Amino acid sequence: MLYEILAQADQLEGPLGPEFGKASPIGLFVLVVSLVAVLFIGWRLSRRIARLNRRQRFAEDNGLDVFDTEAIDKALKEAGLYDQAKRTWF
């Protein structure tokens, strides 16, 4: 019985046929694309949060309603602090 278990263990080691390892380039590509996507989303999110905090601080310091975006934009333009960066859907 011990020989039977050892014989089965020897058969299960190593590559499992001619198709073994062919998915690795595709898997690597998927991992790299996923990593780039996560880094890009994190970078964009940090920029949006920084912009939100900057606008909130400005509104609180100037006595504006934090949720009145038109008034905040107008006050930022008058103060010369308006962010001219293009705002996208993302």
PDB file of N, CA and C in Angstrom:
ATOM      1  N   MET A   1       0.822  -1.185   0.000  1.00  0.00           N
ATOM      2  CA  MET A   1       0.000   0.000   0.000  1.00  0.00           C
ATOM      3  C   MET A   1       0.873   1.260   0.000  1.00  0.00           C
ATOM      4  N   LEU A   2       1.962   1.255   0.727  1.00  0.00           N
ATOM      5  CA  LEU A   2       2.867   2.392   0.754  1.00  0.00           C
ATOM      6  C   LEU A   2       3.478   2.634  -0.619  1.00  0.00           C
ATOM      7  N   TYR A   3       3.806   1.568  -1.321  1.00  0.00           N
ATOM      8  CA  TYR A   3       4.370   1.707  -2.667  1.00  0.00           C
ATOM      9  C   TYR A   3       3.346   2.298  -3.634  1.00  0.00           C
ATOM     10  N   GLU A   4       2.094   1.973  -3.427  1.00  0.00           N
ATOM     11  CA  GLU A   4       1.035   2.480  -4.290  1.00  0.00           C
ATOM     12  C   GLU A   4       0.892   3.997  -4.126  1.00  0.00           C
ATOM     13  N   ILE A   5       0.962   4.505  -2.908  1.00  0.00           N
ATOM     14  CA  ILE A   5       0.860   5.944  -2.650  1.00  0.00           C
ATOM     15  C   ILE A   5       2.069   6.669  -3.226  1.00  0.00           C
ATOM     16  N   LEU A   6       3.251   6.117  -3.060  1.00  0.00           N
ATOM     17  CA  LEU A   6       4.448   6.739  -3.613  1.00  0.00           C
ATOM     18  C   LEU A   6       4.413   6.753  -5.135  1.00  0.00           C
ATOM     19  N   ALA A   7       3.885   5.705  -5.731  1.00  0.00           N
ATOM     20  CA  ALA A   7       3.794   5.650  -7.188  1.00  0.00           C
ATOM     21  C   ALA A   7       2.829   6.709  -7.704  1.00  0.00           C
ATOM     22  N   GLN A   8       1.735   6.947  -7.002  1.00  0.00           N
ATOM     23  CA  GLN A   8       0.783   7.973  -7.412  1.00  0.00           C
ATOM     24  C   GLN A   8       1.385   9.363  -7.240  1.00  0.00           C
ATOM     25  N   ALA A   9       2.168   9.574  -6.209  1.00  0.00           N
ATOM     26  CA  ALA A   9       2.795  10.870  -5.984  1.00  0.00           C
ATOM     27  C   ALA A   9       3.781  11.190  -7.099  1.00  0.00           C
ATOM     28  N   ASP A  10       4.494  10.219  -7.602  1.00  0.00           N
ATOM     29  CA  ASP A  10       5.434  10.453  -8.695  1.00  0.00           C
ATOM     30  C   ASP A  10       4.720  10.817  -9.988  1.00  0.00           C
ATOM     31  N   GLN A  11       3.544  10.297 -10.192  1.00  0.00           N
ATOM     32  CA  GLN A  11       2.813  10.555 -11.429  1.00  0.00           C
ATOM     33  C   GLN A  11       2.217  11.957 -11.463  1.00  0.00           C
ATOM     34  N   LEU A  12       1.949  12.580 -10.323  1.00  0.00           N
ATOM     35  CA  LEU A  12       1.279  13.874 -10.283  1.00  0.00           C
ATOM     36  C   LEU A  12       2.240  15.056 -10.366  1.00  0.00           C
ATOM     37  N   GLU A  13       3.520  14.865 -10.315  1.00  0.00           N
ATOM     38  CA  GLU A  13       4.475  15.967 -10.350  1.00  0.00           C
ATOM     39  C   GLU A  13       4.805  16.351 -11.780  1.00  0.00           C
ATOM     40  N   GLY A  14       5.194  17.614 -11.968  1.00  0.00           N
ATOM     41  CA  GLY A  14       5.651  18.071 -13.272  1.00  0.00           C
ATOM     42  C   GLY A  14       4.522  18.585 -14.146  1.00  0.00           C
ATOM     43  N   PRO A  15       4.859  19.076 -15.321  1.00  0.00           N
ATOM     44  CA  PRO A  15       3.857  19.586 -16.258  1.00  0.00           C
ATOM     45  C   PRO A  15       2.866  18.499 -16.662  1.00  0.00           C
ATOM     46  N   LEU A  16       1.674  18.938 -16.967  1.00  0.00           N
ATOM     47  CA  LEU A  16       0.602  17.998 -17.267  1.00  0.00           C
ATOM     48  C   LEU A  16       0.267  18.004 -18.754  1.00  0.00           C
ATOM     49  N   GLY A  17       1.194  17.765 -19.595  1.00  0.00           N
ATOM     50  CA  GLY A  17       0.910  17.618 -21.016  1.00  0.00           C
ATOM     51  C   GLY A  17       1.397  18.780 -21.848  1.00  0.00           C
ATOM     52  N   PRO A  18       1.141  18.715 -23.160  1.00  0.00           N
ATOM     53  CA  PRO A  18       1.662  19.735 -24.069  1.00  0.00           C
ATOM     54  C   PRO A  18       0.988  21.103 -23.924  1.00  0.00           C
ATOM     55  N   GLU A  19      -0.196  21.167 -23.324  1.00  0.00           N
ATOM     56  CA  GLU A  19      -0.901  22.440 -23.170  1.00  0.00           C
ATOM     57  C   GLU A  19      -0.499  23.184 -21.898  1.00  0.00           C
ATOM     58  N   PHE A  20       0.391  22.614 -21.112  1.00  0.00           N
ATOM     59  CA  PHE A  20       0.776  23.215 -19.835  1.00  0.00           C
ATOM     60  C   PHE A  20       1.563  24.504 -20.064  1.00  0.00           C
ATOM     61  N   GLY A  21       1.149  25.607 -19.421  1.00  0.00           N
ATOM     62  CA  GLY A  21       1.890  26.855 -19.457  1.00  0.00           C
ATOM     63  C   GLY A  21       1.561  27.779 -20.603  1.00  0.00           C
ATOM     64  N   LYS A  22       0.626  27.441 -21.458  1.00  0.00           N
ATOM     65  CA  LYS A  22       0.328  28.301 -22.602  1.00  0.00           C
ATOM     66  C   LYS A  22      -0.515  29.514 -22.220  1.00  0.00           C
ATOM     67  N   ALA A  23      -1.183  29.476 -21.091  1.00  0.00           N
ATOM     68  CA  ALA A  23      -2.006  30.600 -20.671  1.00  0.00           C
ATOM     69  C   ALA A  23      -1.202  31.652 -19.918  1.00  0.00           C
ATOM     70  N   SER A  24       0.036  31.406 -19.617  1.00  0.00           N
ATOM     71  CA  SER A  24       0.797  32.343 -18.798  1.00  0.00           C
ATOM     72  C   SER A  24       1.017  33.701 -19.462  1.00  0.00           C
ATOM     73  N   PRO A  25       1.270  33.827 -20.762  1.00  0.00           N
ATOM     74  CA  PRO A  25       1.392  35.170 -21.334  1.00  0.00           C
ATOM     75  C   PRO A  25       0.083  35.952 -21.271  1.00  0.00           C
ATOM     76  N   ILE A  26      -1.024  35.282 -21.477  1.00  0.00           N
ATOM     77  CA  ILE A  26      -2.319  35.955 -21.392  1.00  0.00           C
ATOM     78  C   ILE A  26      -2.605  36.343 -19.947  1.00  0.00           C
ATOM     79  N   GLY A  27      -2.298  35.467 -19.027  1.00  0.00           N
ATOM     80  CA  GLY A  27      -2.500  35.770 -17.614  1.00  0.00           C
ATOM     81  C   GLY A  27      -1.639  36.933 -17.149  1.00  0.00           C
ATOM     82  N   LEU A  28      -0.411  36.977 -17.615  1.00  0.00           N
ATOM     83  CA  LEU A  28       0.472  38.093 -17.276  1.00  0.00           C
ATOM     84  C   LEU A  28      -0.078  39.399 -17.832  1.00  0.00           C
ATOM     85  N   PHE A  29      -0.574  39.362 -19.057  1.00  0.00           N
ATOM     86  CA  PHE A  29      -1.168  40.559 -19.666  1.00  0.00           C
ATOM     87  C   PHE A  29      -2.372  41.037 -18.854  1.00  0.00           C
ATOM     88  N   VAL A  30      -3.232  40.113 -18.449  1.00  0.00           N
ATOM     89  CA  VAL A  30      -4.405  40.477 -17.651  1.00  0.00           C
ATOM     90  C   VAL A  30      -3.972  41.077 -16.319  1.00  0.00           C
ATOM     91  N   LEU A  31      -2.966  40.513 -15.685  1.00  0.00           N
ATOM     92  CA  LEU A  31      -2.481  41.054 -14.415  1.00  0.00           C
ATOM     93  C   LEU A  31      -1.902  42.457 -14.578  1.00  0.00           C
ATOM     94  N   VAL A  32      -1.124  42.664 -15.618  1.00  0.00           N
ATOM     95  CA  VAL A  32      -0.517  43.980 -15.843  1.00  0.00           C
ATOM     96  C   VAL A  32      -1.592  45.016 -16.143  1.00  0.00           C
ATOM     97  N   VAL A  33      -2.557  44.663 -16.983  1.00  0.00           N
ATOM     98  CA  VAL A  33      -3.641  45.598 -17.304  1.00  0.00           C
ATOM     99  C   VAL A  33      -4.459  45.907 -16.055  1.00  0.00           C
ATOM    100  N   SER A  34      -4.726  44.913 -15.238  1.00  0.00           N
ATOM    101  CA  SER A  34      -5.468  45.134 -13.992  1.00  0.00           C
ATOM    102  C   SER A  34      -4.691  46.046 -13.049  1.00  0.00           C
ATOM    103  N   LEU A  35      -3.393  45.836 -12.941  1.00  0.00           N
ATOM    104  CA  LEU A  35      -2.566  46.677 -12.084  1.00  0.00           C
ATOM    105  C   LEU A  35      -2.562  48.125 -12.569  1.00  0.00           C
ATOM    106  N   VAL A  36      -2.421  48.310 -13.866  1.00  0.00           N
ATOM    107  CA  VAL A  36      -2.436  49.665 -14.426  1.00  0.00           C
ATOM    108  C   VAL A  36      -3.789  50.322 -14.179  1.00  0.00           C
ATOM    109  N   ALA A  37      -4.876  49.577 -14.351  1.00  0.00           N
ATOM    110  CA  ALA A  37      -6.211  50.133 -14.123  1.00  0.00           C
ATOM    111  C   ALA A  37      -6.400  50.542 -12.666  1.00  0.00           C
ATOM    112  N   VAL A  38      -5.966  49.717 -11.742  1.00  0.00           N
ATOM    113  CA  VAL A  38      -6.107  50.039 -10.318  1.00  0.00           C
ATOM    114  C   VAL A  38      -5.266  51.259  -9.955  1.00  0.00           C
ATOM    115  N   LEU A  39      -4.054  51.339 -10.465  1.00  0.00           N
ATOM    116  CA  LEU A  39      -3.208  52.506 -10.188  1.00  0.00           C
ATOM    117  C   LEU A  39      -3.804  53.778 -10.777  1.00  0.00           C
ATOM    118  N   PHE A  40      -4.339  53.697 -11.986  1.00  0.00           N
ATOM    119  CA  PHE A  40      -4.950  54.865 -12.622  1.00  0.00           C
ATOM    120  C   PHE A  40      -6.175  55.327 -11.842  1.00  0.00           C
ATOM    121  N   ILE A  41      -7.015  54.389 -11.448  1.00  0.00           N
ATOM    122  CA  ILE A  41      -8.215  54.748 -10.686  1.00  0.00           C
ATOM    123  C   ILE A  41      -7.827  55.358  -9.341  1.00  0.00           C
ATOM    124  N   GLY A  42      -6.831  54.813  -8.683  1.00  0.00           N
ATOM    125  CA  GLY A  42      -6.373  55.376  -7.415  1.00  0.00           C
ATOM    126  C   GLY A  42      -5.814  56.776  -7.573  1.00  0.00           C
ATOM    127  N   TRP A  43      -5.058  57.002  -8.646  1.00  0.00           N
ATOM    128  CA  TRP A  43      -4.498  58.328  -8.901  1.00  0.00           C
ATOM    129  C   TRP A  43      -5.608  59.347  -9.150  1.00  0.00           C
ATOM    130  N   ARG A  44      -6.597  58.964  -9.968  1.00  0.00           N
ATOM    131  CA  ARG A  44      -7.703  59.874 -10.257  1.00  0.00           C
ATOM    132  C   ARG A  44      -8.535  60.153  -9.007  1.00  0.00           C
ATOM    133  N   LEU A  45      -8.762  59.125  -8.211  1.00  0.00           N
ATOM    134  CA  LEU A  45      -9.548  59.297  -6.996  1.00  0.00           C
ATOM    135  C   LEU A  45      -8.835  60.219  -6.012  1.00  0.00           C
ATOM    136  N   SER A  46      -7.539  60.090  -5.884  1.00  0.00           N
ATOM    137  CA  SER A  46      -6.809  60.966  -4.964  1.00  0.00           C
ATOM    138  C   SER A  46      -6.859  62.416  -5.436  1.00  0.00           C
ATOM    139  N   ARG A  47      -6.808  62.634  -6.747  1.00  0.00           N
ATOM    140  CA  ARG A  47      -6.928  64.002  -7.267  1.00  0.00           C
ATOM    141  C   ARG A  47      -8.309  64.578  -6.987  1.00  0.00           C
ATOM    142  N   ARG A  48      -9.343  63.766  -7.165  1.00  0.00           N
ATOM    143  CA  ARG A  48     -10.705  64.248  -6.921  1.00  0.00           C
ATOM    144  C   ARG A  48     -10.920  64.555  -5.450  1.00  0.00           C
ATOM    145  N   ILE A  49     -10.399  63.708  -4.575  1.00  0.00           N
ATOM    146  CA  ILE A  49     -10.558  63.946  -3.138  1.00  0.00           C
ATOM    147  C   ILE A  49      -9.809  65.207  -2.725  1.00  0.00           C
ATOM    148  N   ALA A  50      -8.620  65.420  -3.272  1.00  0.00           N
ATOM    149  CA  ALA A  50      -7.861  66.635  -2.957  1.00  0.00           C
ATOM    150  C   ALA A  50      -8.615  67.875  -3.423  1.00  0.00           C
ATOM    151  N   ARG A  51      -9.197  67.807  -4.615  1.00  0.00           N
ATOM    152  CA  ARG A  51      -9.974  68.941  -5.129  1.00  0.00           C
ATOM    153  C   ARG A  51     -11.202  69.189  -4.256  1.00  0.00           C
ATOM    154  N   LEU A  52     -11.869  68.123  -3.837  1.00  0.00           N
ATOM    155  CA  LEU A  52     -13.041  68.253  -2.977  1.00  0.00           C
ATOM    156  C   LEU A  52     -12.666  68.891  -1.644  1.00  0.00           C
ATOM    157  N   ASN A  53     -11.577  68.437  -1.039  1.00  0.00           N
ATOM    158  CA  ASN A  53     -11.139  69.007   0.240  1.00  0.00           C
ATOM    159  C   ASN A  53     -10.759  70.476   0.095  1.00  0.00           C
ATOM    160  N   ARG A  54     -10.084  70.811  -1.008  1.00  0.00           N
ATOM    161  CA  ARG A  54      -9.695  72.199  -1.246  1.00  0.00           C
ATOM    162  C   ARG A  54     -10.925  73.091  -1.387  1.00  0.00           C
ATOM    163  N   ARG A  55     -11.928  72.631  -2.132  1.00  0.00           N
ATOM    164  CA  ARG A  55     -13.155  73.413  -2.318  1.00  0.00           C
ATOM    165  C   ARG A  55     -13.931  73.526  -1.003  1.00  0.00           C
ATOM    166  N   GLN A  56     -13.972  72.447  -0.233  1.00  0.00           N
ATOM    167  CA  GLN A  56     -14.698  72.465   1.034  1.00  0.00           C
ATOM    168  C   GLN A  56     -14.044  73.436   2.017  1.00  0.00           C
ATOM    169  N   ARG A  57     -12.719  73.392   2.102  1.00  0.00           N
ATOM    170  CA  ARG A  57     -12.007  74.327   2.984  1.00  0.00           C
ATOM    171  C   ARG A  57     -12.248  75.777   2.572  1.00  0.00           C
ATOM    172  N   PHE A  58     -12.192  76.031   1.262  1.00  0.00           N
ATOM    173  CA  PHE A  58     -12.417  77.385   0.767  1.00  0.00           C
ATOM    174  C   PHE A  58     -13.830  77.848   1.113  1.00  0.00           C
ATOM    175  N   ALA A  59     -14.819  76.975   0.929  1.00  0.00           N
ATOM    176  CA  ALA A  59     -16.203  77.340   1.224  1.00  0.00           C
ATOM    177  C   ALA A  59     -16.390  77.619   2.712  1.00  0.00           C
ATOM    178  N   GLU A  60     -15.818  76.802   3.560  1.00  0.00           N
ATOM    179  CA  GLU A  60     -15.958  77.013   5.000  1.00  0.00           C
ATOM    180  C   GLU A  60     -15.238  78.278   5.452  1.00  0.00           C
ATOM    181  N   ASP A  61     -14.074  78.562   4.885  1.00  0.00           N
ATOM    182  CA  ASP A  61     -13.321  79.760   5.267  1.00  0.00           C
ATOM    183  C   ASP A  61     -14.026  81.035   4.838  1.00  0.00           C
ATOM    184  N   ASN A  62     -14.772  80.983   3.736  1.00  0.00           N
ATOM    185  CA  ASN A  62     -15.445  82.171   3.215  1.00  0.00           C
ATOM    186  C   ASN A  62     -16.926  82.217   3.563  1.00  0.00           C
ATOM    187  N   GLY A  63     -17.404  81.314   4.387  1.00  0.00           N
ATOM    188  CA  GLY A  63     -18.795  81.337   4.834  1.00  0.00           C
ATOM    189  C   GLY A  63     -19.793  80.951   3.759  1.00  0.00           C
ATOM    190  N   LEU A  64     -19.395  80.139   2.818  1.00  0.00           N
ATOM    191  CA  LEU A  64     -20.291  79.696   1.750  1.00  0.00           C
ATOM    192  C   LEU A  64     -20.891  78.342   2.101  1.00  0.00           C
ATOM    193  N   ASP A  65     -22.043  78.063   1.477  1.00  0.00           N
ATOM    194  CA  ASP A  65     -22.648  76.741   1.631  1.00  0.00           C
ATOM    195  C   ASP A  65     -21.782  75.733   0.887  1.00  0.00           C
ATOM    196  N   VAL A  66     -21.425  74.663   1.546  1.00  0.00           N
ATOM    197  CA  VAL A  66     -20.519  73.670   0.972  1.00  0.00           C
ATOM    198  C   VAL A  66     -21.135  72.987  -0.243  1.00  0.00           C
ATOM    199  N   PHE A  67     -22.463  72.893  -0.289  1.00  0.00           N
ATOM    200  CA  PHE A  67     -23.135  72.184  -1.371  1.00  0.00           C
ATOM    201  C   PHE A  67     -23.568  73.096  -2.518  1.00  0.00           C
ATOM    202  N   ASP A  68     -23.348  74.397  -2.401  1.00  0.00           N
ATOM    203  CA  ASP A  68     -23.702  75.331  -3.476  1.00  0.00           C
ATOM    204  C   ASP A  68     -22.505  75.469  -4.420  1.00  0.00           C
ATOM    205  N   THR A  69     -22.453  74.606  -5.420  1.00  0.00           N
ATOM    206  CA  THR A  69     -21.284  74.565  -6.303  1.00  0.00           C
ATOM    207  C   THR A  69     -21.156  75.821  -7.148  1.00  0.00           C
ATOM    208  N   GLU A  70     -22.283  76.407  -7.551  1.00  0.00           N
ATOM    209  CA  GLU A  70     -22.213  77.619  -8.376  1.00  0.00           C
ATOM    210  C   GLU A  70     -21.597  78.776  -7.599  1.00  0.00           C
ATOM    211  N   ALA A  71     -21.996  78.939  -6.342  1.00  0.00           N
ATOM    212  CA  ALA A  71     -21.444  80.021  -5.520  1.00  0.00           C
ATOM    213  C   ALA A  71     -19.962  79.785  -5.237  1.00  0.00           C
ATOM    214  N   ILE A  72     -19.600  78.543  -5.004  1.00  0.00           N
ATOM    215  CA  ILE A  72     -18.188  78.231  -4.749  1.00  0.00           C
ATOM    216  C   ILE A  72     -17.357  78.498  -5.997  1.00  0.00           C
ATOM    217  N   ASP A  73     -17.853  78.066  -7.168  1.00  0.00           N
ATOM    218  CA  ASP A  73     -17.128  78.322  -8.419  1.00  0.00           C
ATOM    219  C   ASP A  73     -16.961  79.816  -8.662  1.00  0.00           C
ATOM    220  N   LYS A  74     -18.018  80.575  -8.427  1.00  0.00           N
ATOM    221  CA  LYS A  74     -17.953  82.026  -8.633  1.00  0.00           C
ATOM    222  C   LYS A  74     -16.933  82.666  -7.684  1.00  0.00           C
ATOM    223  N   ALA A  75     -16.959  82.262  -6.410  1.00  0.00           N
ATOM    224  CA  ALA A  75     -16.018  82.819  -5.429  1.00  0.00           C
ATOM    225  C   ALA A  75     -14.584  82.408  -5.748  1.00  0.00           C
ATOM    226  N   LEU A  76     -14.391  81.174  -6.211  1.00  0.00           N
ATOM    227  CA  LEU A  76     -13.048  80.731  -6.588  1.00  0.00           C
ATOM    228  C   LEU A  76     -12.527  81.523  -7.783  1.00  0.00           C
ATOM    229  N   LYS A  77     -13.395  81.807  -8.755  1.00  0.00           N
ATOM    230  CA  LYS A  77     -12.976  82.593  -9.919  1.00  0.00           C
ATOM    231  C   LYS A  77     -12.612  84.016  -9.508  1.00  0.00           C
ATOM    232  N   GLU A  78     -13.405  84.592  -8.602  1.00  0.00           N
ATOM    233  CA  GLU A  78     -13.110  85.949  -8.141  1.00  0.00           C
ATOM    234  C   GLU A  78     -11.796  85.999  -7.367  1.00  0.00           C
ATOM    235  N   ALA A  79     -11.503  84.946  -6.629  1.00  0.00           N
ATOM    236  CA  ALA A  79     -10.263  84.899  -5.851  1.00  0.00           C
ATOM    237  C   ALA A  79      -9.071  84.470  -6.701  1.00  0.00           C
ATOM    238  N   GLY A  80      -9.332  84.022  -7.930  1.00  0.00           N
ATOM    239  CA  GLY A  80      -8.258  83.575  -8.809  1.00  0.00           C
ATOM    240  C   GLY A  80      -7.742  82.189  -8.473  1.00  0.00           C
ATOM    241  N   LEU A  81      -8.545  81.409  -7.779  1.00  0.00           N
ATOM    242  CA  LEU A  81      -8.135  80.068  -7.366  1.00  0.00           C
ATOM    243  C   LEU A  81      -8.903  78.966  -8.080  1.00  0.00           C
ATOM    244  N   TYR A  82      -9.672  79.320  -9.081  1.00  0.00           N
ATOM    245  CA  TYR A  82     -10.497  78.322  -9.776  1.00  0.00           C
ATOM    246  C   TYR A  82      -9.611  77.358 -10.548  1.00  0.00           C
ATOM    247  N   ASP A  83      -9.902  76.080 -10.419  1.00  0.00           N
ATOM    248  CA  ASP A  83      -9.132  75.027 -11.084  1.00  0.00           C
ATOM    249  C   ASP A  83      -9.595  74.920 -12.532  1.00  0.00           C
ATOM    250  N   GLN A  84      -8.719  75.244 -13.469  1.00  0.00           N
ATOM    251  CA  GLN A  84      -9.071  75.246 -14.887  1.00  0.00           C
ATOM    252  C   GLN A  84      -8.932  73.879 -15.538  1.00  0.00           C
ATOM    253  N   ALA A  85      -8.563  72.859 -14.774  1.00  0.00           N
ATOM    254  CA  ALA A  85      -8.373  71.523 -15.344  1.00  0.00           C
ATOM    255  C   ALA A  85      -9.685  71.014 -15.915  1.00  0.00           C
ATOM    256  N   LYS A  86      -9.570  70.338 -17.031  1.00  0.00           N
ATOM    257  CA  LYS A  86     -10.754  69.797 -17.688  1.00  0.00           C
ATOM    258  C   LYS A  86     -11.368  68.711 -16.812  1.00  0.00           C
ATOM    259  N   ARG A  87     -12.646  68.853 -16.559  1.00  0.00           N
ATOM    260  CA  ARG A  87     -13.347  67.857 -15.756  1.00  0.00           C
ATOM    261  C   ARG A  87     -13.986  66.848 -16.694  1.00  0.00           C
ATOM    262  N   THR A  88     -13.697  65.590 -16.456  1.00  0.00           N
ATOM    263  CA  THR A  88     -14.251  64.535 -17.289  1.00  0.00           C
ATOM    264  C   THR A  88     -15.261  63.739 -16.480  1.00  0.00           C
ATOM    265  N   TRP A  89     -15.886  62.804 -17.109  1.00  0.00           N
ATOM    266  CA  TRP A  89     -16.872  61.974 -16.417  1.00  0.00           C
ATOM    267  C   TRP A  89     -16.218  61.088 -15.383  1.00  0.00           C
ATOM    268  N   PHE A  90     -14.945  60.860 -15.492  1.00  0.00           N
ATOM    269  CA  PHE A  90     -14.234  59.985 -14.572  1.00  0.00           C
ATOM    270  C   PHE A  90     -13.619  60.834 -13.511  1.00  0.00           C
TER     271      PHE A  90
END
